[in-house]
Structure formats: structure tokens, C-alpha cells
Amino acid sequence: MNHRTTRRRRLLTGGALALTAGLVLAGCGDSDKSDKTDKTSEAGDSASAKKPDLSVGGAYIPVPAMDDMAGGFFTVTNKGAADKLVSASSPLAGSVTLHATVGSTMKERKSFTVPANGTLDFSRGGNHIMLEKLKHKPKQGDKVEVTLRFEKSKPITVSMPVKPATYNPANSADSTEHDPSNAKTHSTTDKHSSTDKHSSH
């Protein structure tokens, strides 16, 4: 074997090794990229799972006894992480406040927690909203628009039907069946819920 042949083999061997190393490095690069993509996707899924998923149903307002004040009731259902109801407003009222009933005493609250995978109930004898400084007294059959605002979720605007003064769905097992408007739910994914039509008072 002459010197020229030996040199040629060395060059071919060196080139093959360089090519193999390049392929290995390229493979590692693709693997790293794939791992990063998978981790990013997992992180996105995890973040999504931690978001609140709210909807509002069973909303109504009893015909008010007073001309300038009315109470409102509804249920917030949450299929995600915890959130807070922090305020409400209505074009019918000069202000809307949040209240809890403790014993026989009504106390104003700044916020209410909406538990993760749970419900926040506003019902007779318990939590409720107060629509104050009414522009006019609503009549039975009217619908009052109320926007609920949350700490994390987008606002939800609900159309609350005005019911008889003594109406209480808790006393009627089939109230939803005979009253489709009471069964309608509004969620944070509704088209109208993403816009804040009314300013806070």
C-alpha cells in the first residue's frame, strides 16, 4: 500500500466520522426542539386548566316593593379555577351592590368567592344584589340587564326577568320546566360577555 492510498483512506474515514457526528448532533437538536414543544404544550394545557370557567343561570328579580330599590338573585357555576365576583352594574340602577344575609342582618360585601368547580348562590334569605336608585320601577314580565364583573374572568351580562314578588324557585321543583327564561345560562364565552357596555358606579 502506497502513501497516497493511505492518505485517501484517512480522508474518507475522517469525512465519514464528521458526517456521522453531524447527523447525531442534528438528531439531538430535533429531539431537544420536540421536548421543548411538548413542554410548552403541557404548560399551556396546565395554564388553561387553572382558568375559571363561569356561567350564570337562574337569574330573576322579584317585583320590588319600593320604587327606587330591587333585589336580584342568580347562581354562578364554575367549572374551572376559583374566581371572585367583585362588582355589578345595570342601566336601570344608579348603583348595584353585593350583599350577604347573616342571620337577619343584611351586610354589604365588596366581593364573593366563586369556588373552583363549585357554585356561588344568590338566593332569597342569603346572598343577593341590590339595585339602588332605580330610574323606574320594573314590572312583572320586564327584563333587567345586569352586568357581573369578576376578578379574573370577563364580565357576564345577564337579562334578569322580573317575577312575582313572592316568586321563589326553591319552593317549586318544576319552576325551570315551566319557565324557560329562568333556565337560560350566560357564560364567560358568550359573545356579549366579552364587552363591558356599562361603566361601574
N, C-alpha and C. Protein backbone atom coordinates (compact mmCIF):
# COMPACT_ATOMS: atom_id res chain seq x y z
N MET A 1 0.86 -1.20 0.00
CA MET A 1 0.00 0.00 0.00
C MET A 1 0.89 1.23 0.00
N ASN A 2 0.63 2.13 -0.95
CA ASN A 2 1.48 3.31 -1.01
C ASN A 2 0.95 4.42 -0.12
N HIS A 3 1.73 5.46 -0.01
CA HIS A 3 1.40 6.59 0.88
C HIS A 3 0.16 7.32 0.42
N ARG A 4 -0.02 7.41 -0.90
CA ARG A 4 -1.18 8.14 -1.43
C ARG A 4 -2.49 7.44 -1.08
N THR A 5 -2.51 6.11 -1.19
CA THR A 5 -3.71 5.33 -0.86
C THR A 5 -4.08 5.45 0.61
N THR A 6 -3.05 5.39 1.47
CA THR A 6 -3.27 5.52 2.91
C THR A 6 -3.87 6.88 3.23
N ARG A 7 -3.40 7.91 2.62
CA ARG A 7 -3.89 9.28 2.87
C ARG A 7 -5.33 9.41 2.43
N ARG A 8 -5.66 8.75 1.27
CA ARG A 8 -7.03 8.84 0.77
C ARG A 8 -8.00 8.17 1.74
N ARG A 9 -7.60 7.01 2.27
CA ARG A 9 -8.46 6.30 3.23
C ARG A 9 -8.68 7.13 4.49
N ARG A 10 -7.61 7.77 4.93
CA ARG A 10 -7.74 8.61 6.14
C ARG A 10 -8.73 9.75 5.90
N LEU A 11 -8.65 10.36 4.69
CA LEU A 11 -9.57 11.46 4.38
C LEU A 11 -11.02 10.97 4.32
N LEU A 12 -11.24 9.79 3.70
CA LEU A 12 -12.59 9.23 3.61
C LEU A 12 -13.14 8.87 4.98
N THR A 13 -12.26 8.27 5.83
CA THR A 13 -12.68 7.90 7.18
C THR A 13 -13.03 9.13 7.99
N GLY A 14 -12.18 10.16 7.86
CA GLY A 14 -12.44 11.41 8.60
C GLY A 14 -13.73 12.05 8.15
N GLY A 15 -14.00 12.03 6.83
CA GLY A 15 -15.25 12.61 6.32
C GLY A 15 -16.46 11.86 6.81
N ALA A 16 -16.35 10.52 6.85
CA ALA A 16 -17.47 9.70 7.34
C ALA A 16 -17.77 9.98 8.80
N LEU A 17 -16.71 10.12 9.60
CA LEU A 17 -16.88 10.43 11.02
C LEU A 17 -17.54 11.79 11.20
N ALA A 18 -17.11 12.77 10.41
CA ALA A 18 -17.67 14.12 10.51
C ALA A 18 -19.15 14.10 10.14
N LEU A 19 -19.50 13.34 9.08
CA LEU A 19 -20.89 13.25 8.65
C LEU A 19 -21.74 12.58 9.73
N THR A 20 -21.22 11.50 10.31
CA THR A 20 -21.94 10.81 11.38
C THR A 20 -22.17 11.72 12.58
N ALA A 21 -21.12 12.46 12.95
CA ALA A 21 -21.25 13.39 14.08
C ALA A 21 -22.29 14.46 13.80
N GLY A 22 -22.30 14.94 12.55
CA GLY A 22 -23.28 15.97 12.17
C GLY A 22 -24.69 15.45 12.27
N LEU A 23 -24.92 14.20 11.81
CA LEU A 23 -26.24 13.60 11.89
C LEU A 23 -26.70 13.41 13.33
N VAL A 24 -25.75 12.98 14.18
CA VAL A 24 -26.05 12.79 15.61
C VAL A 24 -26.46 14.10 16.25
N LEU A 25 -25.68 15.16 15.94
CA LEU A 25 -25.99 16.48 16.50
C LEU A 25 -27.33 16.99 16.00
N ALA A 26 -27.58 16.76 14.70
CA ALA A 26 -28.87 17.20 14.14
C ALA A 26 -30.02 16.47 14.81
N GLY A 27 -29.81 15.18 15.06
CA GLY A 27 -30.85 14.39 15.73
C GLY A 27 -31.10 14.89 17.12
N CYS A 28 -30.04 15.24 17.83
CA CYS A 28 -30.18 15.78 19.19
C CYS A 28 -30.93 17.09 19.16
N GLY A 29 -30.60 17.89 18.13
CA GLY A 29 -31.27 19.20 18.02
C GLY A 29 -32.76 19.02 17.83
N ASP A 30 -33.17 18.10 16.97
CA ASP A 30 -34.58 17.86 16.74
C ASP A 30 -35.26 17.34 17.99
N SER A 31 -34.56 16.47 18.72
CA SER A 31 -35.11 15.91 19.94
C SER A 31 -35.34 17.00 20.98
N ASP A 32 -34.36 17.90 21.12
CA ASP A 32 -34.49 18.99 22.09
C ASP A 32 -35.66 19.88 21.72
N LYS A 33 -35.78 20.15 20.41
CA LYS A 33 -36.87 21.01 19.96
C LYS A 33 -38.21 20.38 20.24
N SER A 34 -38.28 19.06 19.99
CA SER A 34 -39.52 18.33 20.24
C SER A 34 -39.87 18.35 21.72
N ASP A 35 -38.84 18.15 22.57
CA ASP A 35 -39.07 18.17 24.01
C ASP A 35 -39.59 19.52 24.45
N LYS A 36 -38.98 20.61 23.89
CA LYS A 36 -39.40 21.96 24.27
C LYS A 36 -40.83 22.21 23.84
N THR A 37 -41.17 21.73 22.62
CA THR A 37 -42.53 21.91 22.12
C THR A 37 -43.53 21.19 23.01
N ASP A 38 -43.18 19.94 23.39
CA ASP A 38 -44.07 19.17 24.26
C ASP A 38 -44.26 19.85 25.60
N LYS A 39 -43.14 20.37 26.16
CA LYS A 39 -43.21 21.04 27.46
C LYS A 39 -44.04 22.31 27.37
N THR A 40 -43.89 23.06 26.25
CA THR A 40 -44.66 24.28 26.06
C THR A 40 -46.14 23.96 25.97
N SER A 41 -46.45 22.89 25.24
CA SER A 41 -47.85 22.46 25.10
C SER A 41 -48.43 22.05 26.44
N GLU A 42 -47.63 21.30 27.22
CA GLU A 42 -48.09 20.88 28.54
C GLU A 42 -48.32 22.07 29.45
N ALA A 43 -47.41 23.06 29.36
CA ALA A 43 -47.55 24.26 30.19
C ALA A 43 -48.81 25.02 29.81
N GLY A 44 -49.09 25.07 28.48
CA GLY A 44 -50.29 25.76 28.02
C GLY A 44 -51.54 25.07 28.51
N ASP A 45 -51.56 23.74 28.43
CA ASP A 45 -52.71 22.97 28.92
C ASP A 45 -52.90 23.17 30.41
N SER A 46 -51.79 23.20 31.14
CA SER A 46 -51.86 23.39 32.59
C SER A 46 -52.41 24.76 32.93
N ALA A 47 -51.94 25.78 32.19
CA ALA A 47 -52.42 27.15 32.45
C ALA A 47 -53.90 27.26 32.14
N SER A 48 -54.33 26.60 31.05
CA SER A 48 -55.73 26.63 30.67
C SER A 48 -56.59 25.97 31.73
N ALA A 49 -56.08 24.88 32.31
CA ALA A 49 -56.84 24.15 33.33
C ALA A 49 -57.00 24.98 34.60
N LYS A 50 -56.13 25.96 34.79
CA LYS A 50 -56.18 26.76 36.01
C LYS A 50 -57.07 27.99 35.86
N LYS A 51 -57.70 28.18 34.70
CA LYS A 51 -58.55 29.34 34.49
C LYS A 51 -59.97 29.06 34.96
N PRO A 52 -60.67 30.09 35.47
CA PRO A 52 -62.08 29.90 35.82
C PRO A 52 -62.90 29.67 34.55
N ASP A 53 -64.00 28.96 34.66
CA ASP A 53 -64.92 28.73 33.56
C ASP A 53 -66.32 28.97 34.11
N LEU A 54 -66.79 30.21 33.99
CA LEU A 54 -68.01 30.63 34.67
C LEU A 54 -69.23 30.69 33.76
N SER A 55 -70.39 30.42 34.34
CA SER A 55 -71.67 30.63 33.67
C SER A 55 -72.68 31.06 34.74
N VAL A 56 -73.70 31.80 34.30
CA VAL A 56 -74.71 32.31 35.23
C VAL A 56 -76.08 31.83 34.78
N GLY A 57 -76.86 31.29 35.71
CA GLY A 57 -78.19 30.80 35.39
C GLY A 57 -79.18 31.09 36.51
N GLY A 58 -80.45 30.84 36.24
CA GLY A 58 -81.49 31.01 37.25
C GLY A 58 -81.67 32.43 37.74
N ALA A 59 -81.34 33.42 36.89
CA ALA A 59 -81.41 34.81 37.33
C ALA A 59 -82.85 35.34 37.32
N TYR A 60 -83.19 36.14 38.33
CA TYR A 60 -84.50 36.79 38.36
C TYR A 60 -84.51 37.93 39.37
N ILE A 61 -85.49 38.80 39.21
CA ILE A 61 -85.71 39.92 40.15
C ILE A 61 -87.18 39.89 40.55
N PRO A 62 -87.50 39.76 41.83
CA PRO A 62 -88.90 39.84 42.25
C PRO A 62 -89.41 41.26 42.05
N VAL A 63 -90.69 41.41 41.76
CA VAL A 63 -91.27 42.76 41.65
C VAL A 63 -90.96 43.50 42.94
N PRO A 64 -90.26 44.64 42.87
CA PRO A 64 -89.85 45.33 44.11
C PRO A 64 -91.02 45.98 44.84
N ALA A 65 -90.91 46.03 46.15
CA ALA A 65 -91.92 46.68 46.97
C ALA A 65 -91.73 48.19 46.96
N MET A 66 -90.49 48.64 46.73
CA MET A 66 -90.17 50.05 46.72
C MET A 66 -89.93 50.54 45.29
N ASP A 67 -90.09 51.84 45.08
CA ASP A 67 -89.94 52.39 43.75
C ASP A 67 -88.48 52.57 43.34
N ASP A 68 -87.58 52.67 44.32
CA ASP A 68 -86.19 53.01 43.98
C ASP A 68 -85.19 51.90 44.32
N MET A 69 -85.68 50.70 44.67
CA MET A 69 -84.76 49.63 45.09
C MET A 69 -85.33 48.26 44.75
N ALA A 70 -84.46 47.35 44.29
CA ALA A 70 -84.90 45.99 43.97
C ALA A 70 -83.78 45.01 44.26
N GLY A 71 -84.16 43.78 44.55
CA GLY A 71 -83.17 42.73 44.82
C GLY A 71 -83.06 41.79 43.63
N GLY A 72 -81.88 41.18 43.46
CA GLY A 72 -81.68 40.26 42.35
C GLY A 72 -81.01 38.97 42.80
N PHE A 73 -81.36 37.87 42.13
CA PHE A 73 -80.84 36.55 42.52
C PHE A 73 -80.39 35.77 41.29
N PHE A 74 -79.40 34.90 41.48
CA PHE A 74 -78.86 34.10 40.38
C PHE A 74 -77.87 33.10 40.96
N THR A 75 -77.36 32.21 40.12
CA THR A 75 -76.34 31.24 40.52
C THR A 75 -75.18 31.30 39.54
N VAL A 76 -73.96 31.44 40.07
CA VAL A 76 -72.75 31.40 39.25
C VAL A 76 -72.17 29.99 39.37
N THR A 77 -72.05 29.31 38.25
CA THR A 77 -71.47 27.96 38.23
C THR A 77 -70.06 28.04 37.65
N ASN A 78 -69.11 27.39 38.32
CA ASN A 78 -67.71 27.45 37.91
C ASN A 78 -67.19 26.04 37.64
N LYS A 79 -66.70 25.81 36.41
CA LYS A 79 -66.13 24.51 36.05
C LYS A 79 -64.60 24.57 35.98
N GLY A 80 -64.02 25.64 36.55
CA GLY A 80 -62.56 25.79 36.50
C GLY A 80 -62.01 26.23 37.83
N ALA A 81 -60.94 27.05 37.76
CA ALA A 81 -60.27 27.53 38.97
C ALA A 81 -61.10 28.61 39.66
N ALA A 82 -60.78 28.88 40.93
CA ALA A 82 -61.54 29.84 41.72
C ALA A 82 -61.45 31.25 41.14
N ASP A 83 -62.49 32.03 41.37
CA ASP A 83 -62.55 33.42 40.91
C ASP A 83 -63.30 34.22 41.97
N LYS A 84 -63.50 35.51 41.72
CA LYS A 84 -64.26 36.35 42.65
C LYS A 84 -65.22 37.25 41.89
N LEU A 85 -66.45 37.35 42.39
CA LEU A 85 -67.39 38.34 41.90
C LEU A 85 -67.07 39.64 42.64
N VAL A 86 -66.70 40.68 41.91
CA VAL A 86 -66.23 41.90 42.57
C VAL A 86 -67.17 43.09 42.43
N SER A 87 -68.07 43.08 41.45
CA SER A 87 -68.99 44.21 41.31
C SER A 87 -70.09 43.86 40.31
N ALA A 88 -71.09 44.73 40.24
CA ALA A 88 -72.18 44.57 39.28
C ALA A 88 -72.71 45.95 38.91
N SER A 89 -73.37 46.03 37.77
CA SER A 89 -73.96 47.30 37.34
C SER A 89 -75.17 47.01 36.46
N SER A 90 -76.04 48.01 36.31
CA SER A 90 -77.22 47.86 35.48
C SER A 90 -77.63 49.23 34.95
N PRO A 91 -78.08 49.31 33.69
CA PRO A 91 -78.54 50.60 33.16
C PRO A 91 -79.80 51.09 33.86
N LEU A 92 -80.50 50.17 34.57
CA LEU A 92 -81.72 50.57 35.28
C LEU A 92 -81.42 51.25 36.61
N ALA A 93 -80.23 50.99 37.17
CA ALA A 93 -79.94 51.44 38.53
C ALA A 93 -78.76 52.42 38.59
N GLY A 94 -78.85 53.33 39.54
CA GLY A 94 -77.73 54.25 39.76
C GLY A 94 -76.54 53.53 40.35
N SER A 95 -76.78 52.46 41.11
CA SER A 95 -75.71 51.63 41.65
C SER A 95 -76.24 50.24 41.93
N VAL A 96 -75.34 49.25 41.89
CA VAL A 96 -75.68 47.88 42.22
C VAL A 96 -74.65 47.40 43.23
N THR A 97 -75.12 46.92 44.37
CA THR A 97 -74.21 46.49 45.42
C THR A 97 -74.41 45.01 45.74
N LEU A 98 -73.36 44.40 46.29
CA LEU A 98 -73.38 42.98 46.65
C LEU A 98 -73.69 42.85 48.13
N HIS A 99 -74.56 41.92 48.49
CA HIS A 99 -74.95 41.78 49.90
C HIS A 99 -75.02 40.32 50.32
N ALA A 100 -74.74 40.11 51.60
CA ALA A 100 -74.91 38.80 52.23
C ALA A 100 -75.88 38.97 53.39
N THR A 101 -76.68 37.96 53.66
CA THR A 101 -77.58 37.99 54.80
C THR A 101 -77.00 37.10 55.89
N VAL A 102 -76.65 37.72 57.00
CA VAL A 102 -76.09 36.98 58.13
C VAL A 102 -77.13 37.04 59.25
N GLY A 103 -77.75 35.88 59.52
CA GLY A 103 -78.85 35.88 60.48
C GLY A 103 -80.01 36.63 59.87
N SER A 104 -80.42 37.69 60.49
CA SER A 104 -81.49 38.54 59.95
C SER A 104 -80.94 39.89 59.49
N THR A 105 -79.62 40.00 59.42
CA THR A 105 -78.99 41.27 59.06
C THR A 105 -78.39 41.21 57.66
N MET A 106 -78.69 42.23 56.86
CA MET A 106 -78.14 42.33 55.52
C MET A 106 -76.86 43.15 55.57
N LYS A 107 -75.75 42.59 55.08
CA LYS A 107 -74.47 43.29 55.11
C LYS A 107 -73.89 43.39 53.71
N GLU A 108 -73.42 44.59 53.36
CA GLU A 108 -72.81 44.79 52.05
C GLU A 108 -71.43 44.14 52.02
N ARG A 109 -71.11 43.52 50.91
CA ARG A 109 -69.81 42.87 50.73
C ARG A 109 -69.11 43.46 49.50
N LYS A 110 -67.78 43.52 49.55
CA LYS A 110 -67.01 44.02 48.41
C LYS A 110 -66.84 42.95 47.34
N SER A 111 -66.86 41.69 47.76
CA SER A 111 -66.67 40.61 46.80
C SER A 111 -67.19 39.30 47.38
N PHE A 112 -67.39 38.33 46.48
CA PHE A 112 -67.78 36.98 46.85
C PHE A 112 -66.89 36.00 46.10
N THR A 113 -66.39 34.99 46.78
CA THR A 113 -65.56 33.98 46.13
C THR A 113 -66.44 33.02 45.34
N VAL A 114 -66.02 32.76 44.11
CA VAL A 114 -66.65 31.72 43.30
C VAL A 114 -65.72 30.51 43.39
N PRO A 115 -66.07 29.49 44.15
CA PRO A 115 -65.14 28.37 44.39
C PRO A 115 -64.82 27.58 43.13
N ALA A 116 -63.63 27.00 43.12
CA ALA A 116 -63.22 26.15 42.00
C ALA A 116 -64.17 24.96 41.89
N ASN A 117 -64.63 24.68 40.67
CA ASN A 117 -65.52 23.54 40.42
C ASN A 117 -66.71 23.54 41.39
N GLY A 118 -67.27 24.72 41.61
CA GLY A 118 -68.40 24.83 42.54
C GLY A 118 -69.36 25.91 42.09
N THR A 119 -70.22 26.35 43.01
CA THR A 119 -71.22 27.36 42.68
C THR A 119 -71.24 28.47 43.73
N LEU A 120 -71.67 29.64 43.29
CA LEU A 120 -71.92 30.77 44.17
C LEU A 120 -73.40 31.09 44.01
N ASP A 121 -74.18 30.90 45.08
CA ASP A 121 -75.63 31.08 45.00
C ASP A 121 -76.07 32.42 45.59
N PHE A 122 -76.90 33.11 44.84
CA PHE A 122 -77.56 34.32 45.32
C PHE A 122 -79.05 33.97 45.34
N SER A 123 -79.58 33.75 46.55
CA SER A 123 -80.96 33.29 46.66
C SER A 123 -81.65 33.97 47.84
N ARG A 124 -82.97 33.87 47.86
CA ARG A 124 -83.74 34.50 48.93
C ARG A 124 -83.26 34.04 50.31
N GLY A 125 -83.09 34.99 51.20
CA GLY A 125 -82.63 34.69 52.54
C GLY A 125 -81.12 34.58 52.66
N GLY A 126 -80.42 34.77 51.53
CA GLY A 126 -78.96 34.65 51.54
C GLY A 126 -78.30 35.76 50.74
N ASN A 127 -77.30 35.40 49.95
CA ASN A 127 -76.61 36.39 49.13
C ASN A 127 -77.57 36.99 48.10
N HIS A 128 -77.37 38.25 47.77
CA HIS A 128 -78.20 38.90 46.76
C HIS A 128 -77.52 40.19 46.29
N ILE A 129 -78.01 40.71 45.18
CA ILE A 129 -77.56 42.04 44.76
C ILE A 129 -78.70 43.02 45.01
N MET A 130 -78.34 44.27 45.26
CA MET A 130 -79.34 45.32 45.44
C MET A 130 -79.17 46.34 44.33
N LEU A 131 -80.22 46.53 43.55
CA LEU A 131 -80.24 47.57 42.54
C LEU A 131 -80.85 48.80 43.18
N GLU A 132 -80.07 49.85 43.30
CA GLU A 132 -80.50 51.05 44.02
C GLU A 132 -80.60 52.25 43.08
N LYS A 133 -81.37 53.24 43.52
CA LYS A 133 -81.60 54.46 42.72
C LYS A 133 -82.15 54.10 41.34
N LEU A 134 -83.22 53.30 41.35
CA LEU A 134 -83.82 52.85 40.09
C LEU A 134 -84.36 54.03 39.27
N LYS A 135 -84.17 53.95 37.97
CA LYS A 135 -84.67 55.00 37.08
C LYS A 135 -86.19 54.87 36.92
N HIS A 136 -86.68 53.64 37.04
CA HIS A 136 -88.12 53.40 37.10
C HIS A 136 -88.34 52.04 37.75
N LYS A 137 -89.53 51.84 38.29
CA LYS A 137 -89.84 50.58 38.96
C LYS A 137 -90.19 49.52 37.92
N PRO A 138 -89.44 48.40 37.88
CA PRO A 138 -89.74 47.36 36.89
C PRO A 138 -91.03 46.62 37.22
N LYS A 139 -91.73 46.19 36.16
CA LYS A 139 -92.98 45.48 36.33
C LYS A 139 -92.79 44.00 36.00
N GLN A 140 -93.71 43.17 36.51
CA GLN A 140 -93.65 41.75 36.22
C GLN A 140 -93.66 41.53 34.72
N GLY A 141 -92.75 40.68 34.23
CA GLY A 141 -92.65 40.43 32.81
C GLY A 141 -91.53 41.22 32.15
N ASP A 142 -91.05 42.29 32.80
CA ASP A 142 -89.92 43.05 32.27
C ASP A 142 -88.64 42.22 32.38
N LYS A 143 -87.63 42.64 31.66
CA LYS A 143 -86.30 42.03 31.79
C LYS A 143 -85.28 43.14 32.07
N VAL A 144 -84.46 42.91 33.10
CA VAL A 144 -83.49 43.90 33.53
C VAL A 144 -82.08 43.40 33.22
N GLU A 145 -81.33 44.19 32.52
CA GLU A 145 -79.95 43.80 32.17
C GLU A 145 -79.01 44.13 33.33
N VAL A 146 -78.24 43.14 33.73
CA VAL A 146 -77.26 43.32 34.81
C VAL A 146 -75.93 42.73 34.36
N THR A 147 -74.85 43.49 34.54
CA THR A 147 -73.52 43.01 34.19
C THR A 147 -72.75 42.66 35.46
N LEU A 148 -72.26 41.43 35.53
CA LEU A 148 -71.48 40.96 36.67
C LEU A 148 -70.00 40.98 36.28
N ARG A 149 -69.17 41.51 37.17
CA ARG A 149 -67.73 41.61 36.89
C ARG A 149 -66.95 40.76 37.89
N PHE A 150 -65.91 40.13 37.36
CA PHE A 150 -65.13 39.18 38.14
C PHE A 150 -63.66 39.59 38.18
N GLU A 151 -62.95 39.03 39.14
CA GLU A 151 -61.54 39.36 39.32
C GLU A 151 -60.70 38.86 38.14
N LYS A 152 -60.99 37.67 37.63
CA LYS A 152 -60.18 37.08 36.56
C LYS A 152 -60.93 36.94 35.24
N SER A 153 -62.19 36.58 35.32
CA SER A 153 -62.96 36.32 34.11
C SER A 153 -63.53 37.59 33.49
N LYS A 154 -63.94 37.46 32.23
CA LYS A 154 -64.59 38.58 31.55
C LYS A 154 -65.96 38.84 32.17
N PRO A 155 -66.48 40.06 32.04
CA PRO A 155 -67.81 40.35 32.58
C PRO A 155 -68.87 39.47 31.92
N ILE A 156 -69.92 39.18 32.65
CA ILE A 156 -71.05 38.43 32.12
C ILE A 156 -72.29 39.30 32.26
N THR A 157 -72.99 39.53 31.15
CA THR A 157 -74.21 40.31 31.18
C THR A 157 -75.41 39.37 31.10
N VAL A 158 -76.32 39.50 32.06
CA VAL A 158 -77.50 38.63 32.10
C VAL A 158 -78.76 39.47 31.99
N SER A 159 -79.77 38.88 31.37
CA SER A 159 -81.08 39.52 31.27
C SER A 159 -81.96 38.87 32.33
N MET A 160 -82.26 39.62 33.39
CA MET A 160 -82.96 39.06 34.55
C MET A 160 -84.46 39.34 34.45
N PRO A 161 -85.29 38.31 34.28
CA PRO A 161 -86.73 38.51 34.21
C PRO A 161 -87.30 38.94 35.55
N VAL A 162 -88.30 39.82 35.50
CA VAL A 162 -88.96 40.28 36.73
C VAL A 162 -90.11 39.33 37.04
N LYS A 163 -90.05 38.71 38.22
CA LYS A 163 -91.01 37.70 38.64
C LYS A 163 -91.98 38.27 39.68
N PRO A 164 -93.04 37.53 40.00
CA PRO A 164 -93.95 37.97 41.07
C PRO A 164 -93.17 38.19 42.37
N ALA A 165 -93.67 39.05 43.20
CA ALA A 165 -92.97 39.42 44.44
C ALA A 165 -92.70 38.22 45.33
N THR A 166 -93.56 37.21 45.28
CA THR A 166 -93.40 36.04 46.16
C THR A 166 -92.67 34.88 45.47
N TYR A 167 -92.22 35.09 44.25
CA TYR A 167 -91.58 34.01 43.49
C TYR A 167 -90.31 33.51 44.18
N ASN A 168 -90.20 32.19 44.30
CA ASN A 168 -89.01 31.58 44.88
C ASN A 168 -88.82 30.20 44.24
N PRO A 169 -87.84 30.06 43.33
CA PRO A 169 -87.65 28.77 42.64
C PRO A 169 -87.34 27.63 43.59
N ALA A 170 -86.84 27.93 44.78
CA ALA A 170 -86.51 26.88 45.75
C ALA A 170 -87.78 26.17 46.24
N ASN A 171 -88.92 26.84 46.12
CA ASN A 171 -90.18 26.26 46.57
C ASN A 171 -90.95 25.58 45.45
N SER A 172 -90.36 25.57 44.24
CA SER A 172 -91.04 24.96 43.10
C SER A 172 -90.07 24.10 42.34
N ALA A 173 -90.23 22.79 42.46
CA ALA A 173 -89.30 21.85 41.82
C ALA A 173 -89.36 21.92 40.31
N ASP A 174 -90.52 22.32 39.77
CA ASP A 174 -90.65 22.35 38.31
C ASP A 174 -90.66 23.77 37.77
N SER A 175 -90.12 24.74 38.51
CA SER A 175 -90.15 26.13 38.07
C SER A 175 -89.36 26.33 36.79
N THR A 176 -88.25 25.60 36.65
CA THR A 176 -87.43 25.72 35.45
C THR A 176 -88.16 25.16 34.22
N GLU A 177 -88.88 24.05 34.44
CA GLU A 177 -89.60 23.43 33.33
C GLU A 177 -90.65 24.35 32.76
N HIS A 178 -91.36 25.09 33.63
CA HIS A 178 -92.43 25.97 33.18
C HIS A 178 -91.94 27.37 32.87
N ASP A 179 -90.67 27.64 33.10
CA ASP A 179 -90.15 28.98 32.87
C ASP A 179 -88.80 28.89 32.16
N PRO A 180 -88.79 28.76 30.83
CA PRO A 180 -87.54 28.60 30.08
C PRO A 180 -86.56 29.75 30.32
N SER A 181 -87.08 30.96 30.53
CA SER A 181 -86.17 32.11 30.71
C SER A 181 -85.35 31.95 31.98
N ASN A 182 -85.90 31.23 32.96
CA ASN A 182 -85.18 31.05 34.21
C ASN A 182 -84.05 30.03 34.08
N ALA A 183 -84.17 29.16 33.07
CA ALA A 183 -83.18 28.10 32.90
C ALA A 183 -82.00 28.55 32.04
N LYS A 184 -82.16 29.66 31.33
CA LYS A 184 -81.10 30.11 30.43
C LYS A 184 -79.84 30.50 31.20
N THR A 185 -78.70 30.08 30.68
CA THR A 185 -77.45 30.41 31.32
C THR A 185 -76.63 31.32 30.43
N HIS A 186 -75.79 32.12 31.06
CA HIS A 186 -74.88 33.01 30.36
C HIS A 186 -73.48 32.71 30.87
N SER A 187 -72.52 32.58 29.95
CA SER A 187 -71.17 32.22 30.36
C SER A 187 -70.14 33.23 29.90
N THR A 188 -68.92 33.05 30.38
CA THR A 188 -67.84 33.96 30.02
C THR A 188 -67.43 33.79 28.57
N THR A 189 -67.96 32.78 27.88
CA THR A 189 -67.64 32.60 26.47
C THR A 189 -68.73 33.15 25.56
N ASP A 190 -69.84 33.64 26.15
CA ASP A 190 -70.89 34.24 25.34
C ASP A 190 -70.36 35.48 24.64
N LYS A 191 -70.89 35.75 23.43
CA LYS A 191 -70.41 36.86 22.63
C LYS A 191 -70.58 38.19 23.35
N HIS A 192 -71.74 38.36 24.03
CA HIS A 192 -71.98 39.65 24.67
C HIS A 192 -71.21 39.82 25.97
N SER A 193 -70.65 38.73 26.50
CA SER A 193 -69.99 38.82 27.80
C SER A 193 -68.60 39.43 27.73
N SER A 194 -68.04 39.50 26.51
CA SER A 194 -66.67 39.99 26.39
C SER A 194 -66.59 41.49 26.29
N THR A 195 -67.74 42.17 26.18
CA THR A 195 -67.73 43.63 26.09
C THR A 195 -68.36 44.23 27.32
N ASP A 196 -67.78 45.26 27.82
CA ASP A 196 -68.27 45.94 29.00
C ASP A 196 -69.06 47.16 28.55
N LYS A 197 -70.38 47.00 28.47
CA LYS A 197 -71.21 48.06 27.91
C LYS A 197 -71.45 49.21 28.89
N HIS A 198 -71.37 48.89 30.17
CA HIS A 198 -71.74 49.90 31.16
C HIS A 198 -70.60 50.11 32.14
N SER A 199 -70.40 51.34 32.51
CA SER A 199 -69.33 51.66 33.44
C SER A 199 -69.77 51.38 34.85
N SER A 200 -68.78 51.13 35.73
CA SER A 200 -69.09 50.86 37.14
C SER A 200 -69.53 52.14 37.82
N HIS A 201 -70.36 51.97 38.84
CA HIS A 201 -70.79 53.13 39.64
C HIS A 201 -70.23 53.01 41.03
